[in-house]
């Protein structure tokens, strides 16, 4: 079982299924939301259980083709989740997981939207 939380601890969660390895998302929306590249893992939505969620808030992701929503802590501002209604999985910001995670970074997506202030890591596979 894996667990994680926001910076202040107002949102705490547990995951009862194996986590997908990490994908880096370079899209403009993720970079604005996270302040840089989004590093995310994912699990089946029914495998995510909230231990504490009083400060969890959701917003609609304004430019998402998937009509997704983003979960964050209203108290400390931590970016936590990306959830699309038509998907069986929910994405979790990898930096919110308690260590050790046992995860590795396996890919990167939306690389055409990468910021002009950093270089893509050529060792990590890239979306087509």
Protein backbone atom coordinates (compact mmCIF):
# COMPACT_ATOMS: atom_id res chain seq x y z
CA UNK A 1 0.00 0.00 0.00
CA UNK A 2 1.19 3.48 -0.86
CA UNK A 3 0.30 6.74 0.84
CA UNK A 4 0.77 10.44 0.34
CA UNK A 5 -0.31 13.90 1.36
CA UNK A 6 -0.25 17.59 0.59
CA UNK A 7 2.37 19.91 2.09
CA UNK A 8 0.34 20.81 5.19
CA UNK A 9 -1.18 17.34 5.71
CA UNK A 10 -4.77 18.53 5.28
CA UNK A 11 -5.23 16.02 2.46
CA UNK A 12 -3.97 12.51 3.12
CA UNK A 13 -4.59 9.49 0.95
CA UNK A 14 -3.80 5.79 0.60
CA UNK A 15 -3.59 3.70 -2.55
CA UNK A 16 -4.42 0.00 -2.49
CA UNK A 17 -3.23 -0.90 -6.01
CA UNK A 18 0.17 -0.75 -7.70
CA UNK A 19 1.13 2.70 -8.97
CA UNK A 20 1.96 3.23 -12.64
CA UNK A 21 5.49 4.47 -13.18
CA UNK A 22 5.84 8.23 -13.64
CA UNK A 23 5.05 10.15 -16.82
CA UNK A 24 6.21 13.76 -17.25
CA UNK A 25 3.65 16.09 -18.83
CA UNK A 26 5.00 19.22 -20.51
CA UNK A 27 1.64 20.72 -21.57
CA UNK A 28 1.11 24.41 -20.88
CA UNK A 29 -1.78 23.75 -18.50
CA UNK A 30 0.23 21.32 -16.35
CA UNK A 31 3.23 23.66 -16.29
CA UNK A 32 1.03 26.52 -15.09
CA UNK A 33 -0.73 24.33 -12.52
CA UNK A 34 2.43 22.78 -11.07
CA UNK A 35 4.85 25.63 -11.72
CA UNK A 36 6.92 23.34 -13.95
CA UNK A 37 6.61 19.92 -15.59
CA UNK A 38 4.01 17.65 -14.01
CA UNK A 39 5.39 14.31 -12.80
CA UNK A 40 2.42 11.98 -12.34
CA UNK A 41 1.62 8.40 -11.55
CA UNK A 42 -1.81 6.81 -11.82
CA UNK A 43 -3.99 4.15 -10.21
CA UNK A 44 -7.50 2.81 -10.71
CA UNK A 45 -9.81 5.44 -9.23
CA UNK A 46 -11.41 2.93 -6.88
CA UNK A 47 -7.96 2.17 -5.38
CA UNK A 48 -7.61 5.72 -4.01
CA UNK A 49 -8.93 6.26 -0.47
CA UNK A 50 -8.88 9.55 1.39
CA UNK A 51 -7.72 9.40 4.99
CA UNK A 52 -8.33 13.15 5.34
CA UNK A 53 -9.91 15.35 2.70
CA UNK A 54 -11.45 18.32 4.53
CA UNK A 55 -9.23 20.77 2.62
CA UNK A 56 -9.44 18.98 -0.75
CA UNK A 57 -10.93 21.13 -3.49
CA UNK A 58 -11.56 20.44 -7.16
CA UNK A 59 -11.58 22.79 -10.15
CA UNK A 60 -12.49 22.04 -13.73
CA UNK A 61 -9.39 21.90 -15.87
CA UNK A 62 -10.23 24.74 -18.27
CA UNK A 63 -8.47 23.60 -21.42
CA UNK A 64 -8.62 19.85 -20.98
CA UNK A 65 -9.94 17.90 -23.96
CA UNK A 66 -10.78 15.18 -21.45
CA UNK A 67 -13.04 17.52 -19.42
CA UNK A 68 -10.86 16.71 -16.44
CA UNK A 69 -10.77 18.23 -13.00
CA UNK A 70 -7.78 18.99 -10.80
CA UNK A 71 -7.62 18.34 -7.07
CA UNK A 72 -5.64 20.53 -4.71
CA UNK A 73 -5.40 21.50 -1.04
CA UNK A 74 -7.22 24.77 -0.37
CA UNK A 75 -5.01 25.43 2.69
CA UNK A 76 -1.48 24.97 1.34
CA UNK A 77 -2.13 25.00 -2.42
CA UNK A 78 -0.50 21.64 -3.19
CA UNK A 79 -1.43 20.24 -6.60
CA UNK A 80 -2.50 16.65 -6.00
CA UNK A 81 -4.74 14.99 -8.61
CA UNK A 82 -5.90 15.02 -12.23
CA UNK A 83 -9.15 13.17 -12.83
CA UNK A 84 -10.93 12.70 -16.17
CA UNK A 85 -14.52 11.40 -15.96
CA UNK A 86 -14.17 8.96 -18.86
CA UNK A 87 -11.05 7.26 -17.49
CA UNK A 88 -10.88 4.44 -14.98
CA UNK A 89 -7.69 5.84 -13.48
CA UNK A 90 -6.84 8.95 -11.52
CA UNK A 91 -3.46 10.68 -11.80
CA UNK A 92 -1.55 11.53 -8.65
CA UNK A 93 1.26 14.10 -8.49
CA UNK A 94 4.29 11.91 -7.81
CA UNK A 95 5.86 14.46 -5.47
CA UNK A 96 2.99 14.03 -3.02
CA UNK A 97 3.74 10.34 -2.41
CA UNK A 98 5.45 9.16 0.75
CA UNK A 99 8.83 7.56 0.06
CA UNK A 100 10.08 5.10 -0.81
CA UNK A 101 7.89 4.99 -3.92
CA UNK A 102 9.76 2.37 -5.94
CA UNK A 103 8.77 4.30 -9.07
CA UNK A 104 10.82 5.41 -12.05
CA UNK A 105 10.16 7.94 -14.80
CA UNK A 106 9.23 6.08 -17.99
CA UNK A 107 7.99 8.70 -20.45
CA UNK A 108 7.06 12.25 -21.29
CA UNK A 109 4.09 13.68 -23.13
CA UNK A 110 3.12 16.97 -24.80
CA UNK A 111 6.78 17.63 -25.44
CA UNK A 112 5.93 20.07 -28.24
CA UNK A 113 4.58 22.38 -25.52
CA UNK A 114 7.71 22.17 -23.34
CA UNK A 115 8.88 25.45 -21.86
CA UNK A 116 11.71 27.34 -23.51
CA UNK A 117 13.68 27.51 -20.27
CA UNK A 118 14.63 23.80 -20.05
CA UNK A 119 15.81 20.91 -22.21
CA UNK A 120 13.91 17.66 -22.64
CA UNK A 121 15.62 14.62 -21.14
CA UNK A 122 16.60 12.55 -24.19
CA UNK A 123 17.01 9.45 -22.00
CA UNK A 124 13.24 9.31 -21.40
CA UNK A 125 10.89 8.15 -24.14
CA UNK A 126 8.84 10.84 -25.84
CA UNK A 127 5.27 10.84 -27.10
CA UNK A 128 4.86 10.43 -30.84
